[in-house]
Amino acid sequence: MGIMDIYEVELCRRGRWEQHDARFVAAGDADEAAYKVTGEHLHSEGEHRKVRLRVRRLGNGSPPPKLFFRSRRPCSPAPMR
């Protein structure tokens, strides 16, 4: 297992950041932190109106927050009925 950092993950609801509901997770990178909070594989590119969350590494010299967007299609197919 590699080095893990602490990340702050904030959800975006109705166009506003939910800072009071921020989650803090230990992860190897921002992608892993986003997955740990949502349970979904999100994309770091997409339409800004579909922004889902932002992930920020805590500590000195941290890069700017990374934005994640909703997937265009679900990760797994819907069950057949």
C-alpha atoms as a PDB file:
ATOM      1  CA  MET A   1       0.000   0.000   0.000  1.00  0.00           C
ATOM      2  CA  GLY A   2       1.342   3.439  -0.938  1.00  0.00           C
ATOM      3  CA  ILE A   3       1.299   6.711   0.904  1.00  0.00           C
ATOM      4  CA  MET A   4      -2.169   7.963   1.758  1.00  0.00           C
ATOM      5  CA  ASP A   5      -3.245  11.568   2.237  1.00  0.00           C
ATOM      6  CA  ILE A   6      -6.336  13.038   3.858  1.00  0.00           C
ATOM      7  CA  TYR A   7      -8.893  14.432   1.405  1.00  0.00           C
ATOM      8  CA  GLU A   8     -11.942  16.623   2.022  1.00  0.00           C
ATOM      9  CA  VAL A   9     -14.849  15.684  -0.247  1.00  0.00           C
ATOM     10  CA  GLU A  10     -17.746  18.133  -0.670  1.00  0.00           C
ATOM     11  CA  LEU A  11     -20.967  17.299  -2.501  1.00  0.00           C
ATOM     12  CA  CYS A  12     -22.674  19.797  -4.798  1.00  0.00           C
ATOM     13  CA  ARG A  13     -26.457  19.930  -4.383  1.00  0.00           C
ATOM     14  CA  ARG A  14     -28.654  22.349  -6.307  1.00  0.00           C
ATOM     15  CA  GLY A  15     -25.572  24.276  -7.430  1.00  0.00           C
ATOM     16  CA  ARG A  16     -24.216  24.855  -3.920  1.00  0.00           C
ATOM     17  CA  TRP A  17     -21.351  23.218  -2.047  1.00  0.00           C
ATOM     18  CA  GLU A  18     -22.503  21.343   1.054  1.00  0.00           C
ATOM     19  CA  GLN A  19     -19.575  22.264   3.297  1.00  0.00           C
ATOM     20  CA  HIS A  20     -21.346  21.203   6.485  1.00  0.00           C
ATOM     21  CA  ASP A  21     -21.680  17.673   5.048  1.00  0.00           C
ATOM     22  CA  ALA A  22     -18.034  17.424   3.924  1.00  0.00           C
ATOM     23  CA  ARG A  23     -16.434  14.012   4.404  1.00  0.00           C
ATOM     24  CA  PHE A  24     -12.791  13.405   5.232  1.00  0.00           C
ATOM     25  CA  VAL A  25     -11.191  10.227   3.895  1.00  0.00           C
ATOM     26  CA  ALA A  26      -7.711   8.722   3.632  1.00  0.00           C
ATOM     27  CA  ALA A  27      -6.867   7.860   0.030  1.00  0.00           C
ATOM     28  CA  GLY A  28      -3.975   7.553  -2.376  1.00  0.00           C
ATOM     29  CA  ASP A  29      -5.364  10.195  -4.755  1.00  0.00           C
ATOM     30  CA  ALA A  30      -8.424  12.363  -5.443  1.00  0.00           C
ATOM     31  CA  ASP A  31     -10.036   9.703  -7.666  1.00  0.00           C
ATOM     32  CA  GLU A  32      -9.913   7.138  -4.873  1.00  0.00           C
ATOM     33  CA  ALA A  33     -11.284   9.667  -2.354  1.00  0.00           C
ATOM     34  CA  ALA A  34     -14.245  10.432  -4.654  1.00  0.00           C
ATOM     35  CA  TYR A  35     -14.949   6.713  -5.084  1.00  0.00           C
ATOM     36  CA  LYS A  36     -14.793   6.053  -1.326  1.00  0.00           C
ATOM     37  CA  VAL A  37     -17.445   8.708  -0.667  1.00  0.00           C
ATOM     38  CA  THR A  38     -19.834   8.064  -3.569  1.00  0.00           C
ATOM     39  CA  GLY A  39     -19.262   4.411  -4.409  1.00  0.00           C
ATOM     40  CA  GLU A  40     -19.262   5.450  -8.082  1.00  0.00           C
ATOM     41  CA  HIS A  41     -16.522   5.965 -10.638  1.00  0.00           C
ATOM     42  CA  LEU A  42     -16.898   9.645 -11.539  1.00  0.00           C
ATOM     43  CA  HIS A  43     -15.165  11.619 -14.277  1.00  0.00           C
ATOM     44  CA  SER A  44     -12.877  14.611 -13.798  1.00  0.00           C
ATOM     45  CA  GLU A  45     -14.056  16.090 -17.122  1.00  0.00           C
ATOM     46  CA  GLY A  46     -17.575  17.033 -18.085  1.00  0.00           C
ATOM     47  CA  GLU A  47     -20.229  19.712 -18.205  1.00  0.00           C
ATOM     48  CA  HIS A  48     -19.970  22.170 -15.326  1.00  0.00           C
ATOM     49  CA  ARG A  49     -23.745  22.086 -14.818  1.00  0.00           C
ATOM     50  CA  LYS A  50     -23.391  18.407 -13.921  1.00  0.00           C
ATOM     51  CA  VAL A  51     -20.688  18.843 -11.279  1.00  0.00           C
ATOM     52  CA  ARG A  52     -21.134  16.282  -8.520  1.00  0.00           C
ATOM     53  CA  LEU A  53     -18.377  16.902  -5.991  1.00  0.00           C
ATOM     54  CA  ARG A  54     -15.006  18.452  -5.351  1.00  0.00           C
ATOM     55  CA  VAL A  55     -12.067  16.789  -3.674  1.00  0.00           C
ATOM     56  CA  ARG A  56      -9.313  18.685  -1.925  1.00  0.00           C
ATOM     57  CA  ARG A  57      -6.104  17.239  -0.492  1.00  0.00           C
ATOM     58  CA  LEU A  58      -5.392  18.686   2.927  1.00  0.00           C
ATOM     59  CA  GLY A  59      -1.960  19.968   3.905  1.00  0.00           C
ATOM     60  CA  ASN A  60       0.652  22.518   2.891  1.00  0.00           C
ATOM     61  CA  GLY A  61       1.334  22.901  -0.812  1.00  0.00           C
ATOM     62  CA  SER A  62      -1.821  21.069  -1.850  1.00  0.00           C
ATOM     63  CA  PRO A  63      -3.023  21.454  -5.442  1.00  0.00           C
ATOM     64  CA  PRO A  64      -6.349  23.183  -6.183  1.00  0.00           C
ATOM     65  CA  PRO A  65      -9.526  21.123  -5.645  1.00  0.00           C
ATOM     66  CA  LYS A  66     -10.371  18.540  -8.313  1.00  0.00           C
ATOM     67  CA  LEU A  67     -13.941  18.566  -9.651  1.00  0.00           C
ATOM     68  CA  PHE A  68     -15.822  15.386 -10.514  1.00  0.00           C
ATOM     69  CA  PHE A  69     -18.857  15.094 -12.767  1.00  0.00           C
ATOM     70  CA  ARG A  70     -21.748  12.688 -13.162  1.00  0.00           C
ATOM     71  CA  SER A  71     -21.245   9.786 -15.476  1.00  0.00           C
ATOM     72  CA  ARG A  72     -22.986   9.930 -18.819  1.00  0.00           C
ATOM     73  CA  ARG A  73     -24.078   6.349 -18.422  1.00  0.00           C
ATOM     74  CA  PRO A  74     -24.315   4.086 -15.398  1.00  0.00           C
ATOM     75  CA  CYS A  75     -21.304   2.014 -14.417  1.00  0.00           C
ATOM     76  CA  SER A  76     -23.300  -1.201 -14.484  1.00  0.00           C
ATOM     77  CA  PRO A  77     -26.315  -2.080 -16.629  1.00  0.00           C
ATOM     78  CA  ALA A  78     -29.766  -1.851 -15.118  1.00  0.00           C
ATOM     79  CA  PRO A  79     -31.244  -5.200 -14.088  1.00  0.00           C
ATOM     80  CA  MET A  80     -33.554  -6.838 -16.611  1.00  0.00           C
ATOM     81  CA  ARG A  81     -37.204  -7.290 -15.617  1.00  0.00           C
END
